[in-house]
PDB file of N, CA and C in Angstrom:
ATOM      1  N   UNK A   1     -48.898   5.467 -26.944  1.00  0.00           N
ATOM      2  CA  UNK A   1     -48.113   5.846 -28.095  1.00  0.00           C
ATOM      3  C   UNK A   1     -47.783   4.575 -28.885  1.00  0.00           C
ATOM      4  N   UNK A   2     -47.942   4.670 -30.190  1.00  0.00           N
ATOM      5  CA  UNK A   2     -47.668   3.507 -31.033  1.00  0.00           C
ATOM      6  C   UNK A   2     -46.161   3.302 -31.184  1.00  0.00           C
ATOM      7  N   UNK A   3     -45.792   2.142 -31.657  1.00  0.00           N
ATOM      8  CA  UNK A   3     -44.380   1.830 -31.878  1.00  0.00           C
ATOM      9  C   UNK A   3     -43.767   2.798 -32.887  1.00  0.00           C
ATOM     10  N   UNK A   4     -44.553   3.136 -33.896  1.00  0.00           N
ATOM     11  CA  UNK A   4     -44.064   4.064 -34.916  1.00  0.00           C
ATOM     12  C   UNK A   4     -43.809   5.453 -34.323  1.00  0.00           C
ATOM     13  N   UNK A   5     -44.725   5.919 -33.488  1.00  0.00           N
ATOM     14  CA  UNK A   5     -44.549   7.221 -32.836  1.00  0.00           C
ATOM     15  C   UNK A   5     -43.325   7.214 -31.929  1.00  0.00           C
ATOM     16  N   UNK A   6     -43.113   6.112 -31.251  1.00  0.00           N
ATOM     17  CA  UNK A   6     -41.939   5.992 -30.384  1.00  0.00           C
ATOM     18  C   UNK A   6     -40.648   6.085 -31.206  1.00  0.00           C
ATOM     19  N   UNK A   7     -40.651   5.481 -32.385  1.00  0.00           N
ATOM     20  CA  UNK A   7     -39.482   5.530 -33.257  1.00  0.00           C
ATOM     21  C   UNK A   7     -39.237   6.957 -33.747  1.00  0.00           C
ATOM     22  N   UNK A   8     -40.315   7.675 -34.081  1.00  0.00           N
ATOM     23  CA  UNK A   8     -40.168   9.078 -34.485  1.00  0.00           C
ATOM     24  C   UNK A   8     -39.585   9.906 -33.345  1.00  0.00           C
ATOM     25  N   UNK A   9     -40.071   9.690 -32.140  1.00  0.00           N
ATOM     26  CA  UNK A   9     -39.561  10.423 -30.973  1.00  0.00           C
ATOM     27  C   UNK A   9     -38.084  10.122 -30.744  1.00  0.00           C
ATOM     28  N   UNK A  10     -37.728   8.855 -30.876  1.00  0.00           N
ATOM     29  CA  UNK A  10     -36.336   8.451 -30.683  1.00  0.00           C
ATOM     30  C   UNK A  10     -35.440   9.104 -31.733  1.00  0.00           C
ATOM     31  N   UNK A  11     -35.915   9.137 -32.970  1.00  0.00           N
ATOM     32  CA  UNK A  11     -35.147   9.768 -34.043  1.00  0.00           C
ATOM     33  C   UNK A  11     -34.998  11.261 -33.789  1.00  0.00           C
ATOM     34  N   UNK A  12     -36.078  11.916 -33.392  1.00  0.00           N
ATOM     35  CA  UNK A  12     -36.029  13.346 -33.103  1.00  0.00           C
ATOM     36  C   UNK A  12     -35.024  13.643 -32.000  1.00  0.00           C
ATOM     37  N   UNK A  13     -35.050  12.861 -30.941  1.00  0.00           N
ATOM     38  CA  UNK A  13     -34.105  13.051 -29.837  1.00  0.00           C
ATOM     39  C   UNK A  13     -32.666  12.864 -30.306  1.00  0.00           C
ATOM     40  N   UNK A  14     -32.433  11.888 -31.154  1.00  0.00           N
ATOM     41  CA  UNK A  14     -31.083  11.643 -31.667  1.00  0.00           C
ATOM     42  C   UNK A  14     -30.605  12.812 -32.533  1.00  0.00           C
ATOM     43  N   UNK A  15     -31.496  13.345 -33.351  1.00  0.00           N
ATOM     44  CA  UNK A  15     -31.136  14.482 -34.204  1.00  0.00           C
ATOM     45  C   UNK A  15     -30.835  15.706 -33.352  1.00  0.00           C
ATOM     46  N   UNK A  16     -31.669  15.952 -32.346  1.00  0.00           N
ATOM     47  CA  UNK A  16     -31.444  17.093 -31.459  1.00  0.00           C
ATOM     48  C   UNK A  16     -30.121  16.964 -30.708  1.00  0.00           C
ATOM     49  N   UNK A  17     -29.827  15.764 -30.251  1.00  0.00           N
ATOM     50  CA  UNK A  17     -28.575  15.534 -29.527  1.00  0.00           C
ATOM     51  C   UNK A  17     -27.376  15.768 -30.451  1.00  0.00           C
ATOM     52  N   UNK A  18     -27.445  15.212 -31.661  1.00  0.00           N
ATOM     53  CA  UNK A  18     -26.347  15.384 -32.608  1.00  0.00           C
ATOM     54  C   UNK A  18     -26.172  16.857 -32.982  1.00  0.00           C
ATOM     55  N   UNK A  19     -27.290  17.570 -33.142  1.00  0.00           N
ATOM     56  CA  UNK A  19     -27.223  19.001 -33.458  1.00  0.00           C
ATOM     57  C   UNK A  19     -26.513  19.748 -32.327  1.00  0.00           C
ATOM     58  N   UNK A  20     -26.926  19.497 -31.100  1.00  0.00           N
ATOM     59  CA  UNK A  20     -26.308  20.165 -29.948  1.00  0.00           C
ATOM     60  C   UNK A  20     -24.817  19.859 -29.844  1.00  0.00           C
ATOM     61  N   UNK A  21     -24.440  18.608 -30.076  1.00  0.00           N
ATOM     62  CA  UNK A  21     -23.031  18.221 -30.021  1.00  0.00           C
ATOM     63  C   UNK A  21     -22.234  18.896 -31.138  1.00  0.00           C
ATOM     64  N   UNK A  22     -22.829  18.994 -32.304  1.00  0.00           N
ATOM     65  CA  UNK A  22     -22.166  19.636 -33.444  1.00  0.00           C
ATOM     66  C   UNK A  22     -21.930  21.113 -33.153  1.00  0.00           C
ATOM     67  N   UNK A  23     -22.947  21.789 -32.654  1.00  0.00           N
ATOM     68  CA  UNK A  23     -22.815  23.210 -32.319  1.00  0.00           C
ATOM     69  C   UNK A  23     -21.744  23.406 -31.247  1.00  0.00           C
ATOM     70  N   UNK A  24     -21.724  22.526 -30.280  1.00  0.00           N
ATOM     71  CA  UNK A  24     -20.724  22.610 -29.208  1.00  0.00           C
ATOM     72  C   UNK A  24     -19.305  22.474 -29.757  1.00  0.00           C
ATOM     73  N   UNK A  25     -19.107  21.518 -30.653  1.00  0.00           N
ATOM     74  CA  UNK A  25     -17.785  21.335 -31.272  1.00  0.00           C
ATOM     75  C   UNK A  25     -17.390  22.557 -32.088  1.00  0.00           C
ATOM     76  N   UNK A  26     -18.368  23.127 -32.797  1.00  0.00           N
ATOM     77  CA  UNK A  26     -18.091  24.316 -33.598  1.00  0.00           C
ATOM     78  C   UNK A  26     -17.694  25.496 -32.713  1.00  0.00           C
ATOM     79  N   UNK A  27     -18.388  25.650 -31.608  1.00  0.00           N
ATOM     80  CA  UNK A  27     -18.067  26.744 -30.683  1.00  0.00           C
ATOM     81  C   UNK A  27     -16.659  26.591 -30.118  1.00  0.00           C
ATOM     82  N   UNK A  28     -16.274  25.339 -29.823  1.00  0.00           N
ATOM     83  CA  UNK A  28     -14.925  25.081 -29.308  1.00  0.00           C
ATOM     84  C   UNK A  28     -13.874  25.462 -30.351  1.00  0.00           C
ATOM     85  N   UNK A  29     -14.095  25.043 -31.586  1.00  0.00           N
ATOM     86  CA  UNK A  29     -13.154  25.379 -32.660  1.00  0.00           C
ATOM     87  C   UNK A  29     -13.110  26.886 -32.905  1.00  0.00           C
ATOM     88  N   UNK A  30     -14.262  27.527 -32.817  1.00  0.00           N
ATOM     89  CA  UNK A  30     -14.310  28.976 -33.014  1.00  0.00           C
ATOM     90  C   UNK A  30     -13.507  29.688 -31.924  1.00  0.00           C
ATOM     91  N   UNK A  31     -13.622  29.220 -30.697  1.00  0.00           N
ATOM     92  CA  UNK A  31     -12.871  29.811 -29.592  1.00  0.00           C
ATOM     93  C   UNK A  31     -11.370  29.641 -29.782  1.00  0.00           C
ATOM     94  N   UNK A  32     -10.984  28.588 -30.496  1.00  0.00           N
ATOM     95  CA  UNK A  32      -9.570  28.325 -30.787  1.00  0.00           C
ATOM     96  C   UNK A  32      -9.135  28.973 -32.106  1.00  0.00           C
ATOM     97  N   UNK A  33     -10.012  29.779 -32.681  1.00  0.00           N
ATOM     98  CA  UNK A  33      -9.754  30.457 -33.950  1.00  0.00           C
ATOM     99  C   UNK A  33      -9.426  29.467 -35.073  1.00  0.00           C
ATOM    100  N   UNK A  34     -10.210  28.395 -35.138  1.00  0.00           N
ATOM    101  CA  UNK A  34     -10.003  27.360 -36.148  1.00  0.00           C
ATOM    102  C   UNK A  34     -11.215  27.244 -37.074  1.00  0.00           C
ATOM    103  N   UNK A  35     -11.783  28.386 -37.439  1.00  0.00           N
ATOM    104  CA  UNK A  35     -12.979  28.371 -38.283  1.00  0.00           C
ATOM    105  C   UNK A  35     -12.685  28.110 -39.761  1.00  0.00           C
ATOM    106  N   UNK A  36     -11.426  28.102 -40.121  1.00  0.00           N
ATOM    107  CA  UNK A  36     -11.082  27.856 -41.529  1.00  0.00           C
ATOM    108  C   UNK A  36     -10.603  26.423 -41.759  1.00  0.00           C
ATOM    109  N   UNK A  37     -10.712  25.591 -40.740  1.00  0.00           N
ATOM    110  CA  UNK A  37     -10.257  24.205 -40.862  1.00  0.00           C
ATOM    111  C   UNK A  37     -11.300  23.361 -41.592  1.00  0.00           C
ATOM    112  N   UNK A  38     -10.838  22.258 -42.130  1.00  0.00           N
ATOM    113  CA  UNK A  38     -11.735  21.316 -42.807  1.00  0.00           C
ATOM    114  C   UNK A  38     -12.751  20.768 -41.813  1.00  0.00           C
ATOM    115  N   UNK A  39     -12.310  20.482 -40.619  1.00  0.00           N
ATOM    116  CA  UNK A  39     -13.206  19.945 -39.590  1.00  0.00           C
ATOM    117  C   UNK A  39     -14.353  20.911 -39.321  1.00  0.00           C
ATOM    118  N   UNK A  40     -14.033  22.180 -39.175  1.00  0.00           N
ATOM    119  CA  UNK A  40     -15.071  23.180 -38.917  1.00  0.00           C
ATOM    120  C   UNK A  40     -16.059  23.236 -40.083  1.00  0.00           C
ATOM    121  N   UNK A  41     -15.543  23.194 -41.288  1.00  0.00           N
ATOM    122  CA  UNK A  41     -16.407  23.256 -42.472  1.00  0.00           C
ATOM    123  C   UNK A  41     -17.299  22.016 -42.569  1.00  0.00           C
ATOM    124  N   UNK A  42     -16.754  20.863 -42.207  1.00  0.00           N
ATOM    125  CA  UNK A  42     -17.561  19.639 -42.200  1.00  0.00           C
ATOM    126  C   UNK A  42     -18.665  19.733 -41.157  1.00  0.00           C
ATOM    127  N   UNK A  43     -18.310  20.266 -39.994  1.00  0.00           N
ATOM    128  CA  UNK A  43     -19.309  20.441 -38.939  1.00  0.00           C
ATOM    129  C   UNK A  43     -20.407  21.409 -39.384  1.00  0.00           C
ATOM    130  N   UNK A  44     -20.018  22.445 -40.120  1.00  0.00           N
ATOM    131  CA  UNK A  44     -21.008  23.401 -40.628  1.00  0.00           C
ATOM    132  C   UNK A  44     -21.984  22.702 -41.562  1.00  0.00           C
ATOM    133  N   UNK A  45     -21.482  21.837 -42.422  1.00  0.00           N
ATOM    134  CA  UNK A  45     -22.351  21.072 -43.316  1.00  0.00           C
ATOM    135  C   UNK A  45     -23.296  20.170 -42.543  1.00  0.00           C
ATOM    136  N   UNK A  46     -22.784  19.522 -41.528  1.00  0.00           N
ATOM    137  CA  UNK A  46     -23.604  18.659 -40.687  1.00  0.00           C
ATOM    138  C   UNK A  46     -24.671  19.474 -39.975  1.00  0.00           C
ATOM    139  N   UNK A  47     -24.282  20.622 -39.465  1.00  0.00           N
ATOM    140  CA  UNK A  47     -25.220  21.490 -38.756  1.00  0.00           C
ATOM    141  C   UNK A  47     -26.371  21.906 -39.673  1.00  0.00           C
ATOM    142  N   UNK A  48     -26.048  22.297 -40.895  1.00  0.00           N
ATOM    143  CA  UNK A  48     -27.078  22.717 -41.849  1.00  0.00           C
ATOM    144  C   UNK A  48     -28.028  21.562 -42.157  1.00  0.00           C
ATOM    145  N   UNK A  49     -27.480  20.375 -42.358  1.00  0.00           N
ATOM    146  CA  UNK A  49     -28.314  19.203 -42.647  1.00  0.00           C
ATOM    147  C   UNK A  49     -29.241  18.889 -41.472  1.00  0.00           C
ATOM    148  N   UNK A  50     -28.718  18.966 -40.259  1.00  0.00           N
ATOM    149  CA  UNK A  50     -29.529  18.690 -39.070  1.00  0.00           C
ATOM    150  C   UNK A  50     -30.585  19.770 -38.865  1.00  0.00           C
ATOM    151  N   UNK A  51     -30.223  21.028 -39.143  1.00  0.00           N
ATOM    152  CA  UNK A  51     -31.207  22.119 -39.054  1.00  0.00           C
ATOM    153  C   UNK A  51     -32.356  21.873 -40.023  1.00  0.00           C
ATOM    154  N   UNK A  52     -32.025  21.404 -41.207  1.00  0.00           N
ATOM    155  CA  UNK A  52     -33.042  21.108 -42.208  1.00  0.00           C
ATOM    156  C   UNK A  52     -33.998  20.025 -41.703  1.00  0.00           C
ATOM    157  N   UNK A  53     -33.448  19.001 -41.114  1.00  0.00           N
ATOM    158  CA  UNK A  53     -34.282  17.919 -40.585  1.00  0.00           C
ATOM    159  C   UNK A  53     -35.180  18.431 -39.453  1.00  0.00           C
ATOM    160  N   UNK A  54     -34.623  19.211 -38.547  1.00  0.00           N
ATOM    161  CA  UNK A  54     -35.409  19.757 -37.442  1.00  0.00           C
ATOM    162  C   UNK A  54     -36.488  20.712 -37.960  1.00  0.00           C
ATOM    163  N   UNK A  55     -36.178  21.461 -39.003  1.00  0.00           N
ATOM    164  CA  UNK A  55     -37.165  22.365 -39.593  1.00  0.00           C
ATOM    165  C   UNK A  55     -38.338  21.580 -40.167  1.00  0.00           C
ATOM    166  N   UNK A  56     -38.044  20.452 -40.762  1.00  0.00           N
ATOM    167  CA  UNK A  56     -39.123  19.616 -41.308  1.00  0.00           C
ATOM    168  C   UNK A  56     -40.013  19.070 -40.204  1.00  0.00           C
ATOM    169  N   UNK A  57     -39.424  18.670 -39.092  1.00  0.00           N
ATOM    170  CA  UNK A  57     -40.235  18.252 -37.948  1.00  0.00           C
ATOM    171  C   UNK A  57     -41.152  19.391 -37.519  1.00  0.00           C
ATOM    172  N   UNK A  58     -40.603  20.601 -37.503  1.00  0.00           N
ATOM    173  CA  UNK A  58     -41.370  21.768 -37.084  1.00  0.00           C
ATOM    174  C   UNK A  58     -42.500  22.071 -38.079  1.00  0.00           C
ATOM    175  N   UNK A  59     -42.204  22.018 -39.368  1.00  0.00           N
ATOM    176  CA  UNK A  59     -43.205  22.294 -40.406  1.00  0.00           C
ATOM    177  C   UNK A  59     -44.399  21.357 -40.264  1.00  0.00           C
ATOM    178  N   UNK A  60     -44.144  20.116 -39.945  1.00  0.00           N
ATOM    179  CA  UNK A  60     -45.222  19.134 -39.835  1.00  0.00           C
ATOM    180  C   UNK A  60     -45.833  19.050 -38.437  1.00  0.00           C
ATOM    181  N   UNK A  61     -45.464  20.009 -37.580  1.00  0.00           N
ATOM    182  CA  UNK A  61     -46.069  20.088 -36.263  1.00  0.00           C
ATOM    183  C   UNK A  61     -45.590  19.038 -35.287  1.00  0.00           C
ATOM    184  N   UNK A  62     -44.434  18.468 -35.551  1.00  0.00           N
ATOM    185  CA  UNK A  62     -43.890  17.443 -34.671  1.00  0.00           C
ATOM    186  C   UNK A  62     -42.865  17.990 -33.691  1.00  0.00           C
ATOM    187  N   UNK A  63     -42.571  19.285 -33.821  1.00  0.00           N
ATOM    188  CA  UNK A  63     -41.573  19.921 -32.961  1.00  0.00           C
ATOM    189  C   UNK A  63     -41.948  21.371 -32.777  1.00  0.00           C
ATOM    190  N   UNK A  64     -41.886  21.815 -31.540  1.00  0.00           N
ATOM    191  CA  UNK A  64     -42.112  23.233 -31.241  1.00  0.00           C
ATOM    192  C   UNK A  64     -40.824  23.832 -30.815  1.00  0.00           C
ATOM    193  N   UNK A  65     -40.513  25.007 -31.327  1.00  0.00           N
ATOM    194  CA  UNK A  65     -39.265  25.684 -30.944  1.00  0.00           C
ATOM    195  C   UNK A  65     -39.571  26.905 -30.146  1.00  0.00           C
TER     196      UNK A  65
END
């Protein structure tokens, strides 16, 4: 694997980890009935942005779901 491919893999792993952590935080807030908080809304924005990035990896055949 080339250095560039390794960097792509590292980035993908970081995005996946951040996505999972974001979803986990959102679920915790939802369980506490805090879905109308600014924090929850910020997390939703982050989640959408990360989903977009993961979708692009998938479109280009770099990620299988």
